Amino acid sequence: MISYVCGIILNISMDENTIFQGQNIQSEKATLPLQNQKEVPPQESYYASSSPSFFSKIIKIVLGIVVLAILLFVIFNVVLPKFQKPKETKITITYWGLWEDARIMQSIFNDFKNQYPNISINYIKQDVKQYRERLTTRIQNGSGPDVFTFHNTWVQMLSPALLPLPSETISKAEFAKSFYPVAQKDLIKQGAIYGIPLEIDTLSLYTNNKIFQAAGLTPPTTWDDFSRDARSLTVKEDGNIKTAGAALGTFNNVTHAGDIISMLFVQNGVNLNNISGTSQAASDTLTFYTSFGAKNGNVWDKTLEESIIAFAKDNLAMYFGYSWDFFAIKAINPNLSFSINPVPRLLDRDMTIASYWVEGVSSKSRYQKEALLFMKFLAKKETAEKLFTEESKTRSFGEPYARVDLAGSLKDNSSVYPFVLQAPSAQSSFFVDSTYDNGLNTKTNSYLGTAVESIINNGTSPQSAVDTLSAGVNQVLKQYGQ
């Protein structure tokens, strides 16, 4: 095309030379003798005949310049950019976490950035107090994070803010192969996956080694053994409990009381979403639980310190807790010797409660594509191993693996393996504590606490307490769309 335009311009130039040469010829003709000249047309006739030709040449020049300008524009703005490597846009994903410091997470972010150099992670550790409300509000007004941590029981409460993960991020088959059944039940809703767990944690039985060894006992495996041991290990002076055999029976000073009762509920066949439909089983469970705090033969009462503190101070033989309680206990009493065991079972029902945290993507994120790439990275086995290693550099062990295929690697660690050992049969419960959600967990626990305290303090029948509990829980479930 360029050669064509240049040809037009060259032809125009040649025509101009011809015009000027023609004018010289006319001038020469004018000097010939009159007898040899033919009659010359009037001067105006020449201009009348030559003017249109002259202007047409000018138009051709202008058109040629225009065509050349268009051609150059197309070359530099359309053709050449196709052969140039596009400049990658730099993206920063905002990530709200709760438990780990940025320095622990940084190596994970560095590995991700090595794969995706144009994506950076801005990690902000949040205060768990009022976190759920803050998270919901910020996402709704468009100033929230792209990726965030949430509790496994919050999926329904956060549903407007949670982005379903597409199969390109993780398929349902891959999710089922990688994570425990409880995570599948909690995080897959109506066929869509709403989060990636980075840990699993299960309610387990802590036992004081010194107290058990002095009594010649081993950790109980059934509830009958547990009841017998709890009473035989309780030491009283003047009717007051000096050393408690177990922390059950009351509610407000029993750490994880809602979790413990939930464990007893599910082992006894109570449907947490329909307590009234299994009211007899629920009533029997509350009868059993409150018997440890009953005045006759009690092993625990409301005058004692919170159970985790009593255990750390060597004043409690058996304590129910999660993996993070290990560090709280050691912080209070570094020299305390204890063991971690599976919870007692009822006949062949050995279920416990799982309480864990999950990573999800905001449905309002501007960078959903990049956030989903990050989620895919978090779901990898190698990422989980790297995170556990980094966490273990600053404490005794990292968060128990959420991945099924990594549980075996923890067998030699007696401090963490019991928590994953119980994971295959664990179930979730909205009665769990320590989420500070001021919503589903807090409100249902309030009704459960009232039921227990009314039995212990007011002599309310367990069946009546269950009826009130069921009505209150149903209201909360309806409020949060459960």
Protein backbone atom coordinates (compact mmCIF):
# COMPACT_ATOMS: atom_id res chain seq x y z
CA MET A 1 0.00 0.00 0.00
CA ILE A 2 2.89 2.33 0.81
CA SER A 3 4.39 1.78 -2.66
CA TYR A 4 1.01 2.46 -4.24
CA VAL A 5 0.65 5.79 -2.44
CA CYS A 6 4.23 6.78 -3.29
CA GLY A 7 3.47 5.96 -6.94
CA ILE A 8 0.51 8.30 -6.92
CA ILE A 9 2.62 11.10 -5.52
CA LEU A 10 5.38 10.47 -8.14
CA ASN A 11 2.91 10.51 -11.01
CA ILE A 12 1.46 13.75 -9.72
CA SER A 13 4.94 15.29 -9.66
CA MET A 14 5.59 14.20 -13.26
CA ASP A 15 2.29 15.72 -14.38
CA GLU A 16 3.24 19.01 -12.78
CA ASN A 17 6.50 19.08 -14.74
CA THR A 18 4.57 18.43 -17.93
CA ILE A 19 2.31 21.41 -17.21
CA PHE A 20 5.21 23.76 -16.76
CA GLN A 21 6.96 22.39 -19.87
CA GLY A 22 3.77 23.00 -21.86
CA GLN A 23 3.79 26.61 -20.75
CA ASN A 24 7.35 27.02 -22.07
CA ILE A 25 6.30 25.55 -25.43
CA GLN A 26 3.48 28.09 -25.68
CA SER A 27 5.93 30.83 -25.00
CA GLU A 28 8.24 29.62 -27.74
CA LYS A 29 5.37 29.42 -30.21
CA ALA A 30 4.53 33.00 -29.51
CA THR A 31 7.97 34.10 -30.92
CA LEU A 32 7.54 32.42 -34.35
CA PRO A 33 6.87 34.54 -37.43
CA LEU A 34 3.26 35.34 -37.90
CA GLN A 35 3.04 33.59 -41.20
CA ASN A 36 4.09 30.30 -39.65
CA GLN A 37 1.65 30.55 -36.76
CA LYS A 38 -1.75 29.11 -36.70
CA GLU A 39 -4.52 31.04 -35.08
CA VAL A 40 -4.08 31.03 -31.33
CA PRO A 41 -7.19 30.73 -29.22
CA PRO A 42 -8.00 33.59 -26.91
CA GLN A 43 -6.05 33.58 -23.60
CA GLU A 44 -9.11 32.82 -21.50
CA SER A 45 -9.79 29.68 -23.48
CA TYR A 46 -6.46 28.20 -22.32
CA TYR A 47 -7.21 28.73 -18.66
CA ALA A 48 -10.72 27.43 -19.13
CA SER A 49 -9.38 24.21 -20.56
CA SER A 50 -6.29 23.78 -18.33
CA SER A 51 -7.68 24.85 -14.90
CA PRO A 52 -9.78 21.73 -14.19
CA SER A 53 -6.80 19.51 -14.88
CA PHE A 54 -4.58 21.51 -12.52
CA PHE A 55 -7.03 21.39 -9.63
CA SER A 56 -7.61 17.69 -10.10
CA LYS A 57 -3.89 17.17 -9.58
CA ILE A 58 -4.02 19.15 -6.32
CA ILE A 59 -6.92 17.00 -5.12
CA LYS A 60 -4.93 13.87 -5.90
CA ILE A 61 -2.03 15.19 -3.82
CA VAL A 62 -4.31 15.89 -0.84
CA LEU A 63 -6.00 12.49 -1.13
CA GLY A 64 -2.61 10.81 -1.27
CA ILE A 65 -1.51 12.54 1.90
CA VAL A 66 -4.75 11.54 3.65
CA VAL A 67 -4.41 7.92 2.55
CA LEU A 68 -0.79 7.86 3.72
CA ALA A 69 -1.77 9.31 7.12
CA ILE A 70 -4.51 6.68 7.54
CA LEU A 71 -2.12 3.94 6.55
CA LEU A 72 0.49 5.06 9.08
CA PHE A 73 -2.19 5.28 11.80
CA VAL A 74 -3.32 1.72 11.11
CA ILE A 75 0.24 0.40 11.11
CA PHE A 76 1.26 2.01 14.41
CA ASN A 77 -2.02 1.58 16.28
CA VAL A 78 -3.45 -1.70 14.99
CA VAL A 79 -0.88 -3.85 13.23
CA LEU A 80 2.24 -3.31 15.35
CA PRO A 81 0.51 -3.71 18.77
CA LYS A 82 -0.52 -7.23 17.75
CA PHE A 83 3.12 -8.22 17.51
CA GLN A 84 4.09 -6.53 20.78
CA LYS A 85 3.85 -8.36 24.17
CA PRO A 86 0.97 -6.80 26.16
CA LYS A 87 1.98 -5.09 29.38
CA GLU A 88 0.70 -7.05 32.41
CA THR A 89 -1.45 -5.15 34.88
CA LYS A 90 -0.20 -5.24 38.46
CA ILE A 91 -2.91 -6.47 40.84
CA THR A 92 -2.94 -6.40 44.66
CA ILE A 93 -5.31 -8.77 46.46
CA THR A 94 -6.39 -7.75 49.95
CA TYR A 95 -6.53 -10.73 52.31
CA TRP A 96 -8.08 -10.56 55.81
CA GLY A 97 -6.78 -13.23 58.20
CA LEU A 98 -7.34 -13.84 61.90
CA TRP A 99 -4.76 -16.08 63.51
CA GLU A 100 -1.41 -15.97 61.73
CA ASP A 101 1.00 -13.04 61.61
CA ALA A 102 2.06 -11.65 58.24
CA ARG A 103 5.63 -12.88 58.71
CA ILE A 104 4.40 -16.49 58.87
CA MET A 105 2.23 -16.09 55.79
CA GLN A 106 4.81 -14.21 53.74
CA SER A 107 6.63 -17.28 52.44
CA ILE A 108 3.30 -18.55 51.08
CA PHE A 109 2.71 -15.24 49.35
CA ASN A 110 6.22 -15.28 47.91
CA ASP A 111 5.67 -18.73 46.39
CA PHE A 112 2.41 -17.55 44.87
CA LYS A 113 4.06 -14.44 43.42
CA ASN A 114 6.76 -16.58 41.83
CA GLN A 115 4.00 -18.22 39.80
CA TYR A 116 2.04 -15.03 39.20
CA PRO A 117 4.47 -12.07 39.21
CA ASN A 118 1.74 -9.54 38.47
CA ILE A 119 -0.31 -10.45 41.61
CA SER A 120 0.64 -9.29 45.11
CA ILE A 121 -1.05 -10.13 48.42
CA ASN A 122 -1.80 -7.46 51.01
CA TYR A 123 -2.38 -9.49 54.20
CA ILE A 124 -4.12 -7.77 57.10
CA LYS A 125 -4.52 -9.61 60.40
CA GLN A 126 -7.86 -8.74 61.95
CA ASP A 127 -9.11 -8.66 65.53
CA VAL A 128 -11.59 -11.50 66.00
CA LYS A 129 -13.85 -9.33 68.15
CA GLN A 130 -16.74 -8.05 65.98
CA TYR A 131 -14.94 -9.47 62.96
CA ARG A 132 -18.02 -10.97 61.31
CA GLU A 133 -19.99 -7.74 61.48
CA ARG A 134 -17.02 -5.70 60.26
CA LEU A 135 -16.41 -8.12 57.42
CA THR A 136 -20.03 -8.11 56.29
CA THR A 137 -20.33 -4.32 56.43
CA ARG A 138 -17.10 -3.67 54.54
CA ILE A 139 -17.93 -6.15 51.80
CA GLN A 140 -21.38 -4.66 51.36
CA ASN A 141 -20.07 -1.10 50.97
CA GLY A 142 -17.33 -2.15 48.57
CA SER A 143 -14.33 -1.59 50.86
CA GLY A 144 -13.88 -5.15 52.07
CA PRO A 145 -11.19 -7.72 51.31
CA ASP A 146 -10.91 -9.87 48.21
CA VAL A 147 -10.06 -13.00 50.24
CA PHE A 148 -10.97 -13.55 53.89
CA THR A 149 -11.05 -16.06 56.73
CA PHE A 150 -14.39 -17.27 58.13
CA HIS A 151 -15.65 -19.99 60.46
CA ASN A 152 -17.03 -23.24 59.09
CA THR A 153 -20.47 -22.50 60.61
CA TRP A 154 -20.78 -19.09 58.92
CA VAL A 155 -21.47 -20.12 55.33
CA GLN A 156 -25.19 -19.39 55.51
CA MET A 157 -24.73 -16.11 57.38
CA LEU A 158 -22.16 -14.94 54.82
CA SER A 159 -23.84 -16.36 51.72
CA PRO A 160 -24.44 -12.97 50.01
CA ALA A 161 -20.75 -12.13 50.43
CA LEU A 162 -19.27 -15.51 49.41
CA LEU A 163 -18.30 -16.26 45.83
CA PRO A 164 -18.85 -19.89 44.75
CA LEU A 165 -15.59 -21.49 43.62
CA PRO A 166 -15.70 -22.66 39.98
CA SER A 167 -14.47 -26.09 38.93
CA GLU A 168 -11.36 -24.45 37.44
CA THR A 169 -10.39 -23.53 41.00
CA ILE A 170 -11.32 -26.89 42.52
CA SER A 171 -13.78 -29.53 41.36
CA LYS A 172 -16.19 -31.29 43.67
CA ALA A 173 -14.39 -34.56 43.03
CA GLU A 174 -11.04 -33.03 43.95
CA PHE A 175 -12.54 -31.38 47.04
CA ALA A 176 -14.06 -34.67 48.21
CA LYS A 177 -10.75 -36.46 47.69
CA SER A 178 -8.69 -33.80 49.50
CA PHE A 179 -10.81 -32.79 52.51
CA TYR A 180 -12.74 -34.49 55.31
CA PRO A 181 -16.47 -35.30 55.10
CA VAL A 182 -17.31 -32.57 57.64
CA ALA A 183 -15.73 -29.95 55.36
CA GLN A 184 -17.69 -31.28 52.41
CA LYS A 185 -20.93 -31.02 54.37
CA ASP A 186 -20.12 -27.55 55.71
CA LEU A 187 -18.72 -25.91 52.58
CA ILE A 188 -20.63 -27.46 49.68
CA LYS A 189 -24.09 -25.95 49.45
CA GLN A 190 -26.49 -26.66 46.58
CA GLY A 191 -23.65 -28.10 44.57
CA ALA A 192 -21.33 -25.11 44.96
CA ILE A 193 -18.10 -24.95 46.97
CA TYR A 194 -17.70 -21.85 49.13
CA GLY A 195 -14.30 -22.12 50.75
CA ILE A 196 -10.93 -23.83 51.16
CA PRO A 197 -10.02 -25.04 54.67
CA LEU A 198 -6.41 -24.55 55.69
CA GLU A 199 -6.87 -26.52 58.93
CA ILE A 200 -9.10 -28.97 60.73
CA ASP A 201 -9.59 -29.07 64.49
CA THR A 202 -11.58 -31.44 66.66
CA LEU A 203 -12.67 -31.42 70.28
CA SER A 204 -10.35 -33.80 72.18
CA LEU A 205 -9.74 -35.00 75.74
CA TYR A 206 -6.78 -33.52 77.63
CA THR A 207 -5.66 -35.57 80.64
CA ASN A 208 -3.29 -34.59 83.45
CA ASN A 209 -0.46 -37.13 83.42
CA LYS A 210 0.54 -36.67 87.06
CA ILE A 211 -3.00 -37.12 88.39
CA PHE A 212 -3.70 -40.19 86.23
CA GLN A 213 -0.38 -41.82 87.01
CA ALA A 214 -0.84 -41.27 90.74
CA ALA A 215 -4.23 -42.99 90.53
CA GLY A 216 -2.94 -45.76 88.29
CA LEU A 217 -5.44 -44.92 85.58
CA THR A 218 -5.31 -44.58 81.81
CA PRO A 219 -7.36 -42.09 79.77
CA PRO A 220 -10.98 -43.30 79.44
CA THR A 221 -12.32 -44.46 76.10
CA THR A 222 -16.02 -44.80 77.03
CA TRP A 223 -18.40 -42.52 78.90
CA ASP A 224 -18.87 -45.11 81.62
CA ASP A 225 -15.12 -45.09 82.22
CA PHE A 226 -15.10 -41.31 82.05
CA SER A 227 -17.84 -40.97 84.68
CA ARG A 228 -16.10 -43.40 87.02
CA ASP A 229 -12.69 -41.73 86.60
CA ALA A 230 -14.11 -38.22 87.00
CA ARG A 231 -15.57 -39.10 90.39
CA SER A 232 -12.61 -41.13 91.62
CA LEU A 233 -10.15 -38.36 90.71
CA THR A 234 -12.12 -35.57 92.39
CA VAL A 235 -10.62 -34.41 95.68
CA LYS A 236 -12.70 -32.41 98.16
CA GLU A 237 -11.88 -30.61 101.39
CA ASP A 238 -14.73 -29.62 103.71
CA GLY A 239 -17.17 -30.25 100.89
CA ASN A 240 -15.32 -27.96 98.50
CA ILE A 241 -13.66 -29.23 95.35
CA LYS A 242 -9.88 -28.95 95.53
CA THR A 243 -9.07 -31.07 92.48
CA ALA A 244 -11.83 -31.64 89.97
CA GLY A 245 -12.09 -34.89 88.09
CA ALA A 246 -13.72 -33.30 85.01
CA ALA A 247 -15.16 -29.97 83.94
CA LEU A 248 -18.79 -30.69 83.07
CA GLY A 249 -22.14 -29.89 84.65
CA THR A 250 -22.26 -26.09 84.54
CA PHE A 251 -22.01 -23.77 81.55
CA ASN A 252 -20.46 -20.37 82.18
CA ASN A 253 -17.17 -21.60 83.70
CA VAL A 254 -16.71 -24.61 81.39
CA THR A 255 -14.54 -23.72 78.41
CA HIS A 256 -16.21 -25.02 75.21
CA ALA A 257 -19.37 -26.02 77.09
CA GLY A 258 -21.46 -25.70 73.93
CA ASP A 259 -18.99 -27.86 72.01
CA ILE A 260 -18.97 -30.54 74.71
CA ILE A 261 -22.76 -30.73 74.86
CA SER A 262 -22.88 -30.80 71.04
CA MET A 263 -20.51 -33.78 71.09
CA LEU A 264 -22.81 -35.57 73.55
CA PHE A 265 -25.83 -34.60 71.44
CA VAL A 266 -24.48 -36.06 68.18
CA GLN A 267 -23.22 -39.21 69.89
CA ASN A 268 -26.65 -39.70 71.41
CA GLY A 269 -28.45 -39.19 68.09
CA VAL A 270 -29.79 -35.65 68.57
CA ASN A 271 -30.56 -33.75 65.36
CA LEU A 272 -29.19 -30.28 66.02
CA ASN A 273 -31.35 -28.78 63.27
CA ASN A 274 -34.47 -30.39 64.69
CA ILE A 275 -33.99 -30.77 68.43
CA SER A 276 -37.71 -31.14 69.08
CA GLY A 277 -37.79 -34.15 66.75
CA THR A 278 -35.26 -35.90 68.98
CA SER A 279 -36.29 -34.30 72.26
CA GLN A 280 -35.97 -37.47 74.36
CA ALA A 281 -32.37 -37.99 73.26
CA ALA A 282 -31.66 -34.31 73.93
CA SER A 283 -33.26 -34.55 77.39
CA ASP A 284 -31.19 -37.63 78.26
CA THR A 285 -28.05 -35.83 77.14
CA LEU A 286 -28.69 -32.79 79.34
CA THR A 287 -29.46 -35.11 82.26
CA PHE A 288 -26.10 -36.83 81.81
CA TYR A 289 -24.18 -33.57 81.39
CA THR A 290 -25.68 -31.77 84.39
CA SER A 291 -25.14 -34.82 86.63
CA PHE A 292 -21.46 -33.83 86.91
CA GLY A 293 -22.53 -30.58 88.55
CA ALA A 294 -25.36 -31.93 90.66
CA LYS A 295 -24.99 -31.36 94.40
CA ASN A 296 -24.80 -35.04 95.26
CA GLY A 297 -21.56 -36.48 93.97
CA ASN A 298 -20.58 -33.46 91.87
CA VAL A 299 -17.12 -33.21 90.33
CA TRP A 300 -17.45 -29.59 89.21
CA ASP A 301 -19.37 -26.50 90.31
CA LYS A 302 -19.88 -22.86 89.43
CA THR A 303 -17.48 -21.58 92.12
CA LEU A 304 -14.42 -22.93 90.30
CA GLU A 305 -12.19 -21.07 87.87
CA GLU A 306 -12.76 -21.40 84.16
CA SER A 307 -11.86 -24.96 83.23
CA ILE A 308 -8.89 -24.18 80.98
CA ILE A 309 -7.28 -22.19 83.80
CA ALA A 310 -8.03 -24.91 86.36
CA PHE A 311 -6.43 -27.51 84.11
CA ALA A 312 -3.34 -25.36 83.50
CA LYS A 313 -2.96 -24.86 87.27
CA ASP A 314 -2.96 -28.61 87.92
CA ASN A 315 -6.40 -28.50 89.56
CA LEU A 316 -8.35 -30.46 86.92
CA ALA A 317 -7.79 -34.05 85.78
CA MET A 318 -9.72 -34.00 82.46
CA TYR A 319 -10.38 -31.10 80.12
CA PHE A 320 -12.05 -30.99 76.69
CA GLY A 321 -10.32 -28.69 74.23
CA TYR A 322 -9.02 -27.98 70.74
CA SER A 323 -5.48 -27.77 69.39
CA TRP A 324 -5.14 -24.05 70.08
CA ASP A 325 -5.79 -24.69 73.79
CA PHE A 326 -2.42 -26.46 73.91
CA PHE A 327 -0.64 -23.12 73.57
CA ALA A 328 -2.90 -21.32 76.06
CA ILE A 329 -2.27 -24.02 78.66
CA LYS A 330 1.49 -23.99 78.08
CA ALA A 331 1.52 -20.19 78.34
CA ILE A 332 0.01 -20.46 81.84
CA ASN A 333 2.05 -23.46 82.98
CA PRO A 334 4.96 -24.45 80.67
CA ASN A 335 5.88 -27.39 82.92
CA LEU A 336 2.47 -29.05 83.00
CA SER A 337 2.58 -32.63 81.74
CA PHE A 338 -0.54 -33.74 79.90
CA SER A 339 -1.72 -36.02 77.10
CA ILE A 340 -4.23 -35.45 74.31
CA ASN A 341 -6.65 -38.27 73.50
CA PRO A 342 -9.76 -38.98 71.43
CA VAL A 343 -13.00 -38.17 73.23
CA PRO A 344 -14.88 -40.99 75.00
CA ARG A 345 -17.43 -42.77 72.87
CA LEU A 346 -20.97 -43.94 73.41
CA LEU A 347 -21.22 -47.58 72.30
CA ASP A 348 -19.99 -47.50 68.69
CA ARG A 349 -20.60 -43.79 68.20
CA ASP A 350 -17.26 -42.00 68.45
CA MET A 351 -18.12 -38.68 66.79
CA THR A 352 -16.70 -35.43 68.03
CA ILE A 353 -17.11 -31.79 67.04
CA ALA A 354 -15.03 -30.03 64.39
CA SER A 355 -14.46 -26.30 64.71
CA TYR A 356 -12.18 -24.80 62.07
CA TRP A 357 -11.57 -21.78 59.84
CA VAL A 358 -11.84 -21.44 56.09
CA GLU A 359 -10.66 -19.07 53.34
CA GLY A 360 -13.19 -17.63 50.89
CA VAL A 361 -13.50 -15.05 48.10
CA SER A 362 -15.71 -11.97 48.28
CA SER A 363 -18.55 -11.84 45.79
CA LYS A 364 -17.87 -8.08 45.53
CA SER A 365 -14.15 -8.41 44.79
CA ARG A 366 -12.85 -6.42 41.81
CA TYR A 367 -10.19 -9.05 41.27
CA GLN A 368 -12.16 -12.27 41.37
CA LYS A 369 -10.05 -13.94 38.67
CA GLU A 370 -6.83 -13.29 40.60
CA ALA A 371 -8.43 -14.19 43.95
CA LEU A 372 -9.58 -17.52 42.54
CA LEU A 373 -6.04 -18.25 41.33
CA PHE A 374 -4.88 -17.65 44.89
CA MET A 375 -7.55 -20.00 46.25
CA LYS A 376 -6.42 -22.69 43.84
CA PHE A 377 -2.89 -22.19 45.14
CA LEU A 378 -4.05 -22.45 48.77
CA ALA A 379 -5.78 -25.77 48.06
CA LYS A 380 -2.53 -27.43 46.97
CA LYS A 381 -0.85 -30.07 49.10
CA GLU A 382 2.50 -28.30 48.79
CA THR A 383 1.04 -25.05 50.10
CA ALA A 384 -0.40 -26.82 53.17
CA GLU A 385 2.96 -28.43 53.91
CA LYS A 386 4.79 -25.12 53.55
CA LEU A 387 2.34 -23.32 55.82
CA PHE A 388 2.61 -26.00 58.53
CA THR A 389 6.40 -25.77 58.37
CA GLU A 390 6.37 -22.00 58.73
CA GLU A 391 3.92 -22.14 61.64
CA SER A 392 6.02 -24.79 63.39
CA LYS A 393 9.02 -22.46 63.36
CA THR A 394 7.33 -20.21 65.93
CA ARG A 395 5.46 -22.78 68.09
CA SER A 396 5.30 -26.48 68.90
CA PHE A 397 3.21 -27.37 65.85
CA GLY A 398 1.24 -25.79 63.05
CA GLU A 399 -2.49 -25.94 62.51
CA PRO A 400 -3.63 -29.55 62.00
CA TYR A 401 -3.78 -30.38 58.30
CA ALA A 402 -7.12 -29.99 56.59
CA ARG A 403 -6.05 -32.37 53.84
CA VAL A 404 -6.76 -36.07 54.31
CA ASP A 405 -3.58 -37.11 52.49
CA LEU A 406 -1.36 -35.28 55.00
CA ALA A 407 -2.76 -36.76 58.23
CA GLY A 408 -0.30 -39.65 58.18
CA SER A 409 2.66 -37.27 58.27
CA LEU A 410 1.60 -36.22 61.80
CA LYS A 411 1.53 -39.70 63.38
CA ASP A 412 4.76 -39.16 65.25
CA ASN A 413 3.56 -35.89 66.78
CA SER A 414 1.47 -36.83 69.82
CA SER A 415 0.52 -33.21 70.42
CA VAL A 416 -1.27 -32.70 67.11
CA TYR A 417 -2.13 -36.13 65.68
CA PRO A 418 -5.15 -36.77 67.97
CA PHE A 419 -6.94 -33.81 66.39
CA VAL A 420 -6.69 -35.18 62.84
CA LEU A 421 -7.22 -38.78 64.00
CA GLN A 422 -10.83 -37.90 64.90
CA ALA A 423 -11.48 -35.77 61.81
CA PRO A 424 -12.97 -38.50 59.56
CA SER A 425 -16.02 -38.90 61.83
CA ALA A 426 -16.26 -35.33 63.16
CA GLN A 427 -19.38 -33.22 62.78
CA SER A 428 -19.97 -29.50 63.01
CA SER A 429 -22.24 -27.62 65.40
CA PHE A 430 -23.52 -24.07 65.57
CA PHE A 431 -23.20 -24.32 69.39
CA VAL A 432 -19.40 -23.95 69.17
CA ASP A 433 -17.81 -21.11 71.11
CA SER A 434 -14.80 -18.83 70.58
CA THR A 435 -16.00 -17.50 67.21
CA TYR A 436 -17.16 -14.15 68.65
CA ASP A 437 -19.69 -13.95 65.84
CA ASN A 438 -22.48 -12.17 67.76
CA GLY A 439 -24.79 -14.14 65.53
CA LEU A 440 -25.64 -17.80 65.02
CA ASN A 441 -23.02 -19.23 67.42
CA THR A 442 -23.44 -16.66 70.18
CA LYS A 443 -27.24 -16.69 70.14
CA THR A 444 -27.73 -20.47 70.07
CA ASN A 445 -25.16 -20.86 72.85
CA SER A 446 -27.11 -18.36 74.90
CA TYR A 447 -30.20 -20.59 74.75
CA LEU A 448 -28.12 -23.69 75.53
CA GLY A 449 -26.51 -22.01 78.54
CA THR A 450 -29.91 -20.98 79.85
CA ALA A 451 -31.14 -24.58 79.54
CA VAL A 452 -28.20 -25.97 81.53
CA GLU A 453 -28.24 -23.32 84.22
CA SER A 454 -32.01 -23.66 84.68
CA ILE A 455 -31.58 -27.37 85.38
CA ILE A 456 -28.66 -26.87 87.80
CA ASN A 457 -29.86 -23.74 89.61
CA ASN A 458 -33.64 -23.82 89.34
CA GLY A 459 -34.42 -27.52 89.24
CA THR A 460 -36.07 -27.26 85.82
CA SER A 461 -36.77 -30.67 84.32
CA PRO A 462 -34.47 -31.59 81.44
CA GLN A 463 -37.49 -32.13 79.14
CA SER A 464 -38.85 -28.67 79.87
CA ALA A 465 -35.40 -27.19 79.34
CA VAL A 466 -35.15 -28.95 75.98
CA ASP A 467 -38.53 -27.58 74.88
CA THR A 468 -37.41 -24.02 75.63
CA LEU A 469 -34.03 -24.66 74.01
CA SER A 470 -35.61 -26.03 70.83
CA ALA A 471 -37.95 -23.05 70.47
CA GLY A 472 -35.13 -20.55 70.93
CA VAL A 473 -32.73 -22.33 68.56
CA ASN A 474 -35.42 -22.55 65.86
CA GLN A 475 -35.86 -18.78 66.01
CA VAL A 476 -32.14 -18.22 65.57
CA LEU A 477 -31.89 -20.74 62.72
CA LYS A 478 -34.76 -19.04 60.95
CA GLN A 479 -33.14 -15.63 61.44
CA TYR A 480 -29.97 -16.78 59.73
CA GLY A 481 -31.58 -18.88 57.03
CA GLN A 482 -30.42 -22.25 58.30
